[in-house]
C-alpha atoms as a PDB file:
ATOM      1  CA  MET A   1     144.955   4.012 112.542  1.00  0.00           C
ATOM      2  CA  ALA A   2     143.800   0.209 113.566  1.00  0.00           C
ATOM      3  CA  ALA A   3     144.829  -2.137 110.880  1.00  0.00           C
ATOM      4  CA  GLY A   4     141.226  -3.231 109.128  1.00  0.00           C
ATOM      5  CA  ARG A   5     139.078  -1.323 111.032  1.00  0.00           C
ATOM      6  CA  VAL A   6     136.683   0.980 108.513  1.00  0.00           C
ATOM      7  CA  ASP A   7     133.705   2.702 109.808  1.00  0.00           C
ATOM      8  CA  PRO A   8     130.093   2.400 107.506  1.00  0.00           C
ATOM      9  CA  ILE A   9     128.519   5.377 106.109  1.00  0.00           C
ATOM     10  CA  SER A  10     125.799   4.644 108.259  1.00  0.00           C
ATOM     11  CA  ALA A  11     128.039   4.502 112.306  1.00  0.00           C
ATOM     12  CA  ILE A  12     129.153   8.548 110.755  1.00  0.00           C
ATOM     13  CA  ASN A  13     127.423  11.234 113.698  1.00  0.00           C
ATOM     14  CA  PRO A  14     128.593  13.839 115.338  1.00  0.00           C
ATOM     15  CA  THR A  15     129.771  12.936 118.439  1.00  0.00           C
ATOM     16  CA  LYS A  16     133.676  11.493 117.265  1.00  0.00           C
ATOM     17  CA  THR A  17     135.603  13.372 114.774  1.00  0.00           C
ATOM     18  CA  ASP A  18     137.819  11.276 112.728  1.00  0.00           C
ATOM     19  CA  TRP A  19     136.402   8.495 110.479  1.00  0.00           C
ATOM     20  CA  ILE A  20     137.694   5.632 108.721  1.00  0.00           C
ATOM     21  CA  ILE A  21     135.960   5.260 105.549  1.00  0.00           C
ATOM     22  CA  LYS A  22     135.974   2.930 101.647  1.00  0.00           C
ATOM     23  CA  VAL A  23     133.892   4.507  99.631  1.00  0.00           C
ATOM     24  CA  ARG A  24     133.258   4.203  95.777  1.00  0.00           C
ATOM     25  CA  VAL A  25     131.998   8.091  94.611  1.00  0.00           C
ATOM     26  CA  VAL A  26     129.137   7.478  92.388  1.00  0.00           C
ATOM     27  CA  ARG A  27     128.089  10.900  91.589  1.00  0.00           C
ATOM     28  CA  ILE A  28     130.609  14.397  91.873  1.00  0.00           C
ATOM     29  CA  TRP A  29     129.827  17.417  90.952  1.00  0.00           C
ATOM     30  CA  LEU A  30     130.843  20.973  91.170  1.00  0.00           C
ATOM     31  CA  MET A  31     128.796  23.794  93.280  1.00  0.00           C
ATOM     32  CA  PRO A  32     129.002  26.911  91.285  1.00  0.00           C
ATOM     33  CA  ALA A  33     129.290  30.606  93.373  1.00  0.00           C
ATOM     34  CA  SER A  34     126.820  31.581  91.740  1.00  0.00           C
ATOM     35  CA  PRO A  35     125.154  31.110  88.000  1.00  0.00           C
ATOM     36  CA  SER A  36     127.094  34.317  86.635  1.00  0.00           C
ATOM     37  CA  THR A  37     130.579  33.158  87.689  1.00  0.00           C
ATOM     38  CA  SER A  38     133.026  30.209  86.233  1.00  0.00           C
ATOM     39  CA  SER A  39     134.466  29.738  90.254  1.00  0.00           C
ATOM     40  CA  TYR A  40     133.448  27.015  92.527  1.00  0.00           C
ATOM     41  CA  HIS A  41     132.085  27.254  96.414  1.00  0.00           C
ATOM     42  CA  GLY A  42     132.180  23.365  96.300  1.00  0.00           C
ATOM     43  CA  ILE A  43     131.691  19.751  95.721  1.00  0.00           C
ATOM     44  CA  LYS A  44     128.777  17.644  96.361  1.00  0.00           C
ATOM     45  CA  MET A  45     129.762  14.241  96.245  1.00  0.00           C
ATOM     46  CA  VAL A  46     127.556  10.753  96.400  1.00  0.00           C
ATOM     47  CA  LEU A  47     129.019   7.889  98.202  1.00  0.00           C
ATOM     48  CA  CYS A  48     128.257   4.372  98.447  1.00  0.00           C
ATOM     49  CA  ASP A  49     130.386   1.619 101.167  1.00  0.00           C
ATOM     50  CA  SER A  50     129.800  -1.828 100.775  1.00  0.00           C
ATOM     51  CA  GLU A  51     127.021  -2.252 103.539  1.00  0.00           C
ATOM     52  CA  ILE A  52     124.478  -0.405 100.778  1.00  0.00           C
ATOM     53  CA  LEU A  53     124.603  -4.385  98.270  1.00  0.00           C
END
């Protein structure tokens, strides 16, 4: 890992598989597998990096 190198969220694209990001989680919530079960299918997050300010 390169020291001090951080990629902004806006630079993320499918041409590369490894990214170094520094973010703050603004909002996080669990996605239920179905409304009738208590199991979860995934997590959704809203992320914020230093470029947003």
